[in-house]
Amino acid sequence: GKEALGLLIDYAFHRLQLHQLYANIDTGNV
């Protein structure tokens, strides 16, 4: 998951030129 998330963040910021990403996470999902 760590490697996949890193790859997609890089793609989003550098290829898609996004300014921000967000995630909705259950407060109990440590």
PDB file of all heavy atoms in Angstrom:
ATOM      1  N   GLY A   1       0.813  -1.212   0.000  1.00  0.00           N
ATOM      2  CA  GLY A   1       0.000   0.000   0.000  1.00  0.00           C
ATOM      3  C   GLY A   1       0.845   1.260   0.000  1.00  0.00           C
ATOM      4  O   GLY A   1       0.536   2.228  -0.695  1.00  0.00           O
ATOM      5  N   LYS A   2       1.927   1.227   0.750  1.00  0.00           N
ATOM      6  CA  LYS A   2       2.824   2.389   0.821  1.00  0.00           C
ATOM      7  C   LYS A   2       3.430   2.690  -0.547  1.00  0.00           C
ATOM      8  O   LYS A   2       3.459   3.838  -0.992  1.00  0.00           O
ATOM      9  CB  LYS A   2       3.921   2.134   1.853  1.00  0.00           C
ATOM     10  CG  LYS A   2       4.874   3.285   2.027  1.00  0.00           C
ATOM     11  CD  LYS A   2       5.904   2.976   3.092  1.00  0.00           C
ATOM     12  CE  LYS A   2       6.851   4.153   3.278  1.00  0.00           C
ATOM     13  NZ  LYS A   2       7.849   3.882   4.303  1.00  0.00           N
ATOM     14  N   GLU A   3       3.894   1.659  -1.215  1.00  0.00           N
ATOM     15  CA  GLU A   3       4.505   1.863  -2.530  1.00  0.00           C
ATOM     16  C   GLU A   3       3.452   2.325  -3.544  1.00  0.00           C
ATOM     17  O   GLU A   3       3.703   3.235  -4.341  1.00  0.00           O
ATOM     18  CB  GLU A   3       5.195   0.585  -3.001  1.00  0.00           C
ATOM     19  CG  GLU A   3       6.071   0.802  -4.205  1.00  0.00           C
ATOM     20  CD  GLU A   3       6.949  -0.398  -4.541  1.00  0.00           C
ATOM     21  OE1 GLU A   3       7.001  -1.373  -3.766  1.00  0.00           O
ATOM     22  OE2 GLU A   3       7.585  -0.346  -5.603  1.00  0.00           O
ATOM     23  N   ALA A   4       2.273   1.725  -3.513  1.00  0.00           N
ATOM     24  CA  ALA A   4       1.199   2.108  -4.441  1.00  0.00           C
ATOM     25  C   ALA A   4       0.774   3.553  -4.212  1.00  0.00           C
ATOM     26  O   ALA A   4       0.615   4.324  -5.171  1.00  0.00           O
ATOM     27  CB  ALA A   4       0.010   1.166  -4.279  1.00  0.00           C
ATOM     28  N   LEU A   5       0.603   3.940  -2.955  1.00  0.00           N
ATOM     29  CA  LEU A   5       0.198   5.306  -2.645  1.00  0.00           C
ATOM     30  C   LEU A   5       1.258   6.302  -3.104  1.00  0.00           C
ATOM     31  O   LEU A   5       0.944   7.334  -3.697  1.00  0.00           O
ATOM     32  CB  LEU A   5      -0.097   5.461  -1.151  1.00  0.00           C
ATOM     33  CG  LEU A   5      -0.668   6.805  -0.710  1.00  0.00           C
ATOM     34  CD1 LEU A   5      -1.969   7.140  -1.446  1.00  0.00           C
ATOM     35  CD2 LEU A   5      -0.896   6.808   0.798  1.00  0.00           C
ATOM     36  N   GLY A   6       2.514   5.981  -2.886  1.00  0.00           N
ATOM     37  CA  GLY A   6       3.599   6.847  -3.333  1.00  0.00           C
ATOM     38  C   GLY A   6       3.601   7.039  -4.842  1.00  0.00           C
ATOM     39  O   GLY A   6       3.782   8.160  -5.344  1.00  0.00           O
ATOM     40  N   LEU A   7       3.380   5.951  -5.581  1.00  0.00           N
ATOM     41  CA  LEU A   7       3.334   6.034  -7.041  1.00  0.00           C
ATOM     42  C   LEU A   7       2.176   6.906  -7.516  1.00  0.00           C
ATOM     43  O   LEU A   7       2.336   7.730  -8.425  1.00  0.00           O
ATOM     44  CB  LEU A   7       3.203   4.634  -7.659  1.00  0.00           C
ATOM     45  CG  LEU A   7       4.428   3.738  -7.613  1.00  0.00           C
ATOM     46  CD1 LEU A   7       4.062   2.314  -8.023  1.00  0.00           C
ATOM     47  CD2 LEU A   7       5.529   4.289  -8.503  1.00  0.00           C
ATOM     48  N   LEU A   8       0.996   6.733  -6.888  1.00  0.00           N
ATOM     49  CA  LEU A   8      -0.165   7.496  -7.344  1.00  0.00           C
ATOM     50  C   LEU A   8      -0.066   8.969  -6.940  1.00  0.00           C
ATOM     51  O   LEU A   8      -0.493   9.846  -7.702  1.00  0.00           O
ATOM     52  CB  LEU A   8      -1.469   6.877  -6.848  1.00  0.00           C
ATOM     53  CG  LEU A   8      -2.710   7.351  -7.616  1.00  0.00           C
ATOM     54  CD1 LEU A   8      -2.595   7.080  -9.113  1.00  0.00           C
ATOM     55  CD2 LEU A   8      -3.962   6.729  -7.062  1.00  0.00           C
ATOM     56  N   ILE A   9       0.496   9.253  -5.783  1.00  0.00           N
ATOM     57  CA  ILE A   9       0.702  10.650  -5.396  1.00  0.00           C
ATOM     58  C   ILE A   9       1.633  11.330  -6.392  1.00  0.00           C
ATOM     59  O   ILE A   9       1.371  12.442  -6.860  1.00  0.00           O
ATOM     60  CB  ILE A   9       1.263  10.752  -3.959  1.00  0.00           C
ATOM     61  CG1 ILE A   9       0.195  10.363  -2.939  1.00  0.00           C
ATOM     62  CG2 ILE A   9       1.791  12.162  -3.677  1.00  0.00           C
ATOM     63  CD1 ILE A   9       0.724  10.194  -1.512  1.00  0.00           C
ATOM     64  N   ASP A  10       2.723  10.662  -6.736  1.00  0.00           N
ATOM     65  CA  ASP A  10       3.667  11.220  -7.706  1.00  0.00           C
ATOM     66  C   ASP A  10       2.976  11.465  -9.053  1.00  0.00           C
ATOM     67  O   ASP A  10       3.150  12.518  -9.673  1.00  0.00           O
ATOM     68  CB  ASP A  10       4.867  10.288  -7.865  1.00  0.00           C
ATOM     69  CG  ASP A  10       5.923  10.861  -8.776  1.00  0.00           C
ATOM     70  OD1 ASP A  10       6.546  11.874  -8.407  1.00  0.00           O
ATOM     71  OD2 ASP A  10       6.099  10.313  -9.891  1.00  0.00           O
ATOM     72  N   TYR A  11       2.198  10.503  -9.503  1.00  0.00           N
ATOM     73  CA  TYR A  11       1.467  10.642 -10.759  1.00  0.00           C
ATOM     74  C   TYR A  11       0.493  11.828 -10.698  1.00  0.00           C
ATOM     75  O   TYR A  11       0.408  12.637 -11.630  1.00  0.00           O
ATOM     76  CB  TYR A  11       0.717   9.340 -11.058  1.00  0.00           C
ATOM     77  CG  TYR A  11      -0.133   9.387 -12.299  1.00  0.00           C
ATOM     78  CD1 TYR A  11       0.440   9.231 -13.564  1.00  0.00           C
ATOM     79  CD2 TYR A  11      -1.505   9.576 -12.222  1.00  0.00           C
ATOM     80  CE1 TYR A  11      -0.328   9.270 -14.716  1.00  0.00           C
ATOM     81  CE2 TYR A  11      -2.290   9.616 -13.366  1.00  0.00           C
ATOM     82  CZ  TYR A  11      -1.700   9.466 -14.601  1.00  0.00           C
ATOM     83  OH  TYR A  11      -2.477   9.511 -15.732  1.00  0.00           O
ATOM     84  N   ALA A  12      -0.243  11.930  -9.599  1.00  0.00           N
ATOM     85  CA  ALA A  12      -1.244  12.995  -9.453  1.00  0.00           C
ATOM     86  C   ALA A  12      -0.603  14.377  -9.466  1.00  0.00           C
ATOM     87  O   ALA A  12      -1.101  15.299 -10.119  1.00  0.00           O
ATOM     88  CB  ALA A  12      -2.047  12.785  -8.165  1.00  0.00           C
ATOM     89  N   PHE A  13       0.506  14.526  -8.755  1.00  0.00           N
ATOM     90  CA  PHE A  13       1.128  15.843  -8.652  1.00  0.00           C
ATOM     91  C   PHE A  13       1.976  16.195  -9.876  1.00  0.00           C
ATOM     92  O   PHE A  13       1.998  17.349 -10.296  1.00  0.00           O
ATOM     93  CB  PHE A  13       1.963  15.943  -7.388  1.00  0.00           C
ATOM     94  CG  PHE A  13       1.153  16.068  -6.120  1.00  0.00           C
ATOM     95  CD1 PHE A  13       1.683  15.676  -4.913  1.00  0.00           C
ATOM     96  CD2 PHE A  13      -0.137  16.568  -6.120  1.00  0.00           C
ATOM     97  CE1 PHE A  13       0.958  15.791  -3.730  1.00  0.00           C
ATOM     98  CE2 PHE A  13      -0.885  16.683  -4.966  1.00  0.00           C
ATOM     99  CZ  PHE A  13      -0.328  16.292  -3.769  1.00  0.00           C
ATOM    100  N   HIS A  14       2.667  15.227 -10.444  1.00  0.00           N
ATOM    101  CA  HIS A  14       3.599  15.544 -11.516  1.00  0.00           C
ATOM    102  C   HIS A  14       3.049  15.322 -12.924  1.00  0.00           C
ATOM    103  O   HIS A  14       3.396  16.074 -13.829  1.00  0.00           O
ATOM    104  CB  HIS A  14       4.918  14.794 -11.308  1.00  0.00           C
ATOM    105  CG  HIS A  14       5.584  15.204 -10.040  1.00  0.00           C
ATOM    106  ND1 HIS A  14       5.598  14.404  -8.926  1.00  0.00           N
ATOM    107  CD2 HIS A  14       6.195  16.361  -9.683  1.00  0.00           C
ATOM    108  CE1 HIS A  14       6.214  15.043  -7.947  1.00  0.00           C
ATOM    109  NE2 HIS A  14       6.585  16.231  -8.377  1.00  0.00           N
ATOM    110  N   ARG A  15       2.212  14.339 -13.127  1.00  0.00           N
ATOM    111  CA  ARG A  15       1.657  14.102 -14.460  1.00  0.00           C
ATOM    112  C   ARG A  15       0.319  14.816 -14.642  1.00  0.00           C
ATOM    113  O   ARG A  15       0.054  15.377 -15.692  1.00  0.00           O
ATOM    114  CB  ARG A  15       1.466  12.614 -14.718  1.00  0.00           C
ATOM    115  CG  ARG A  15       2.758  11.805 -14.754  1.00  0.00           C
ATOM    116  CD  ARG A  15       3.401  11.662 -16.097  1.00  0.00           C
ATOM    117  NE  ARG A  15       3.123  10.596 -16.996  1.00  0.00           N
ATOM    118  CZ  ARG A  15       3.118   9.301 -16.770  1.00  0.00           C
ATOM    119  NH1 ARG A  15       3.287   8.826 -15.571  1.00  0.00           N
ATOM    120  NH2 ARG A  15       2.904   8.447 -17.750  1.00  0.00           N
ATOM    121  N   LEU A  16      -0.539  14.761 -13.613  1.00  0.00           N
ATOM    122  CA  LEU A  16      -1.845  15.411 -13.717  1.00  0.00           C
ATOM    123  C   LEU A  16      -1.815  16.865 -13.248  1.00  0.00           C
ATOM    124  O   LEU A  16      -2.796  17.579 -13.403  1.00  0.00           O
ATOM    125  CB  LEU A  16      -2.894  14.633 -12.901  1.00  0.00           C
ATOM    126  CG  LEU A  16      -3.188  13.213 -13.369  1.00  0.00           C
ATOM    127  CD1 LEU A  16      -4.159  12.535 -12.416  1.00  0.00           C
ATOM    128  CD2 LEU A  16      -3.733  13.209 -14.797  1.00  0.00           C
ATOM    129  N   GLN A  17      -0.685  17.265 -12.645  1.00  0.00           N
ATOM    130  CA  GLN A  17      -0.505  18.641 -12.173  1.00  0.00           C
ATOM    131  C   GLN A  17      -1.543  19.056 -11.125  1.00  0.00           C
ATOM    132  O   GLN A  17      -1.968  20.206 -11.088  1.00  0.00           O
ATOM    133  CB  GLN A  17      -0.527  19.626 -13.357  1.00  0.00           C
ATOM    134  CG  GLN A  17       0.546  19.367 -14.399  1.00  0.00           C
ATOM    135  CD  GLN A  17       1.951  19.548 -13.856  1.00  0.00           C
ATOM    136  OE1 GLN A  17       2.252  20.573 -13.267  1.00  0.00           O
ATOM    137  NE2 GLN A  17       2.801  18.549 -14.036  1.00  0.00           N
ATOM    138  N   LEU A  18      -1.947  18.098 -10.270  1.00  0.00           N
ATOM    139  CA  LEU A  18      -2.905  18.428  -9.217  1.00  0.00           C
ATOM    140  C   LEU A  18      -2.229  19.255  -8.140  1.00  0.00           C
ATOM    141  O   LEU A  18      -1.026  19.134  -7.896  1.00  0.00           O
ATOM    142  CB  LEU A  18      -3.515  17.164  -8.619  1.00  0.00           C
ATOM    143  CG  LEU A  18      -4.395  16.333  -9.551  1.00  0.00           C
ATOM    144  CD1 LEU A  18      -5.020  15.169  -8.796  1.00  0.00           C
ATOM    145  CD2 LEU A  18      -5.470  17.184 -10.212  1.00  0.00           C
ATOM    146  N   HIS A  19      -3.026  20.066  -7.484  1.00  0.00           N
ATOM    147  CA  HIS A  19      -2.549  20.897  -6.380  1.00  0.00           C
ATOM    148  C   HIS A  19      -2.756  20.200  -5.039  1.00  0.00           C
ATOM    149  O   HIS A  19      -1.990  20.399  -4.112  1.00  0.00           O
ATOM    150  CB  HIS A  19      -3.276  22.249  -6.397  1.00  0.00           C
ATOM    151  CG  HIS A  19      -2.963  23.123  -5.234  1.00  0.00           C
ATOM    152  ND1 HIS A  19      -1.700  23.632  -4.997  1.00  0.00           N
ATOM    153  CD2 HIS A  19      -3.749  23.575  -4.226  1.00  0.00           C
ATOM    154  CE1 HIS A  19      -1.722  24.370  -3.903  1.00  0.00           C
ATOM    155  NE2 HIS A  19      -2.949  24.344  -3.409  1.00  0.00           N
ATOM    156  N   GLN A  20      -3.811  19.378  -4.968  1.00  0.00           N
ATOM    157  CA  GLN A  20      -4.079  18.717  -3.698  1.00  0.00           C
ATOM    158  C   GLN A  20      -4.820  17.403  -3.869  1.00  0.00           C
ATOM    159  O   GLN A  20      -5.525  17.194  -4.843  1.00  0.00           O
ATOM    160  CB  GLN A  20      -4.859  19.632  -2.755  1.00  0.00           C
ATOM    161  CG  GLN A  20      -6.224  20.044  -3.246  1.00  0.00           C
ATOM    162  CD  GLN A  20      -6.905  20.963  -2.269  1.00  0.00           C
ATOM    163  OE1 GLN A  20      -7.320  20.514  -1.197  1.00  0.00           O
ATOM    164  NE2 GLN A  20      -7.022  22.229  -2.618  1.00  0.00           N
ATOM    165  N   LEU A  21      -4.619  16.533  -2.882  1.00  0.00           N
ATOM    166  CA  LEU A  21      -5.304  15.254  -2.771  1.00  0.00           C
ATOM    167  C   LEU A  21      -5.969  15.208  -1.403  1.00  0.00           C
ATOM    168  O   LEU A  21      -5.474  15.820  -0.449  1.00  0.00           O
ATOM    169  CB  LEU A  21      -4.322  14.095  -2.894  1.00  0.00           C
ATOM    170  CG  LEU A  21      -3.636  13.933  -4.244  1.00  0.00           C
ATOM    171  CD1 LEU A  21      -2.487  12.932  -4.136  1.00  0.00           C
ATOM    172  CD2 LEU A  21      -4.630  13.508  -5.307  1.00  0.00           C
ATOM    173  N   TYR A  22      -7.064  14.463  -1.304  1.00  0.00           N
ATOM    174  CA  TYR A  22      -7.701  14.296   0.006  1.00  0.00           C
ATOM    175  C   TYR A  22      -8.141  12.850   0.179  1.00  0.00           C
ATOM    176  O   TYR A  22      -8.323  12.115  -0.787  1.00  0.00           O
ATOM    177  CB  TYR A  22      -8.876  15.262   0.192  1.00  0.00           C
ATOM    178  CG  TYR A  22     -10.056  14.979  -0.697  1.00  0.00           C
ATOM    179  CD1 TYR A  22     -11.061  14.096  -0.304  1.00  0.00           C
ATOM    180  CD2 TYR A  22     -10.173  15.585  -1.943  1.00  0.00           C
ATOM    181  CE1 TYR A  22     -12.138  13.831  -1.123  1.00  0.00           C
ATOM    182  CE2 TYR A  22     -11.253  15.331  -2.769  1.00  0.00           C
ATOM    183  CZ  TYR A  22     -12.229  14.455  -2.354  1.00  0.00           C
ATOM    184  OH  TYR A  22     -13.294  14.187  -3.166  1.00  0.00           O
ATOM    185  N   ALA A  23      -8.280  12.464   1.428  1.00  0.00           N
ATOM    186  CA  ALA A  23      -8.731  11.108   1.762  1.00  0.00           C
ATOM    187  C   ALA A  23      -9.711  11.198   2.927  1.00  0.00           C
ATOM    188  O   ALA A  23      -9.504  11.981   3.863  1.00  0.00           O
ATOM    189  CB  ALA A  23      -7.542  10.235   2.153  1.00  0.00           C
ATOM    190  N   ASN A  24     -10.762  10.413   2.851  1.00  0.00           N
ATOM    191  CA  ASN A  24     -11.740  10.284   3.930  1.00  0.00           C
ATOM    192  C   ASN A  24     -11.444   8.981   4.656  1.00  0.00           C
ATOM    193  O   ASN A  24     -11.498   7.919   4.046  1.00  0.00           O
ATOM    194  CB  ASN A  24     -13.160  10.247   3.361  1.00  0.00           C
ATOM    195  CG  ASN A  24     -13.499  11.511   2.601  1.00  0.00           C
ATOM    196  OD1 ASN A  24     -13.466  12.584   3.149  1.00  0.00           O
ATOM    197  ND2 ASN A  24     -13.809  11.368   1.325  1.00  0.00           N
ATOM    198  N   ILE A  25     -11.133   9.072   5.957  1.00  0.00           N
ATOM    199  CA  ILE A  25     -10.697   7.885   6.691  1.00  0.00           C
ATOM    200  C   ILE A  25     -11.454   7.786   8.019  1.00  0.00           C
ATOM    201  O   ILE A  25     -11.511   8.757   8.783  1.00  0.00           O
ATOM    202  CB  ILE A  25      -9.172   7.945   6.981  1.00  0.00           C
ATOM    203  CG1 ILE A  25      -8.385   8.134   5.677  1.00  0.00           C
ATOM    204  CG2 ILE A  25      -8.720   6.688   7.715  1.00  0.00           C
ATOM    205  CD1 ILE A  25      -6.897   8.378   5.876  1.00  0.00           C
ATOM    206  N   ASP A  26     -11.995   6.613   8.291  1.00  0.00           N
ATOM    207  CA  ASP A  26     -12.634   6.340   9.579  1.00  0.00           C
ATOM    208  C   ASP A  26     -11.622   6.634  10.686  1.00  0.00           C
ATOM    209  O   ASP A  26     -10.464   6.207  10.595  1.00  0.00           O
ATOM    210  CB  ASP A  26     -13.070   4.875   9.610  1.00  0.00           C
ATOM    211  CG  ASP A  26     -13.785   4.489  10.885  1.00  0.00           C
ATOM    212  OD1 ASP A  26     -13.167   4.573  11.971  1.00  0.00           O
ATOM    213  OD2 ASP A  26     -14.948   4.081  10.794  1.00  0.00           O
ATOM    214  N   THR A  27     -12.041   7.342  11.702  1.00  0.00           N
ATOM    215  CA  THR A  27     -11.109   7.735  12.770  1.00  0.00           C
ATOM    216  C   THR A  27     -10.548   6.543  13.530  1.00  0.00           C
ATOM    217  O   THR A  27      -9.527   6.672  14.208  1.00  0.00           O
ATOM    218  CB  THR A  27     -11.770   8.712  13.756  1.00  0.00           C
ATOM    219  OG1 THR A  27     -12.963   8.114  14.287  1.00  0.00           O
ATOM    220  CG2 THR A  27     -12.113  10.039  13.077  1.00  0.00           C
ATOM    221  N   GLY A  28     -11.157   5.385  13.405  1.00  0.00           N
ATOM    222  CA  GLY A  28     -10.641   4.178  14.059  1.00  0.00           C
ATOM    223  C   GLY A  28      -9.720   3.348  13.178  1.00  0.00           C
ATOM    224  O   GLY A  28      -9.165   2.347  13.632  1.00  0.00           O
ATOM    225  N   ASN A  29      -9.519   3.755  11.946  1.00  0.00           N
ATOM    226  CA  ASN A  29      -8.699   2.997  11.004  1.00  0.00           C
ATOM    227  C   ASN A  29      -7.242   3.457  11.123  1.00  0.00           C
ATOM    228  O   ASN A  29      -6.739   4.231  10.308  1.00  0.00           O
ATOM    229  CB  ASN A  29      -9.224   3.175   9.580  1.00  0.00           C
ATOM    230  CG  ASN A  29      -8.558   2.264   8.581  1.00  0.00           C
ATOM    231  OD1 ASN A  29      -7.459   1.757   8.812  1.00  0.00           O
ATOM    232  ND2 ASN A  29      -9.207   2.063   7.447  1.00  0.00           N
ATOM    233  N   VAL A  30      -6.572   2.953  12.129  1.00  0.00           N
ATOM    234  CA  VAL A  30      -5.207   3.376  12.444  1.00  0.00           C
ATOM    235  C   VAL A  30      -4.236   3.075  11.312  1.00  0.00           C
ATOM    236  O   VAL A  30      -3.367   3.893  11.000  1.00  0.00           O
ATOM    237  CB  VAL A  30      -4.733   2.726  13.769  1.00  0.00           C
ATOM    238  CG1 VAL A  30      -3.293   3.073  14.077  1.00  0.00           C
ATOM    239  CG2 VAL A  30      -5.644   3.140  14.916  1.00  0.00           C
TER     240      VAL A  30
END
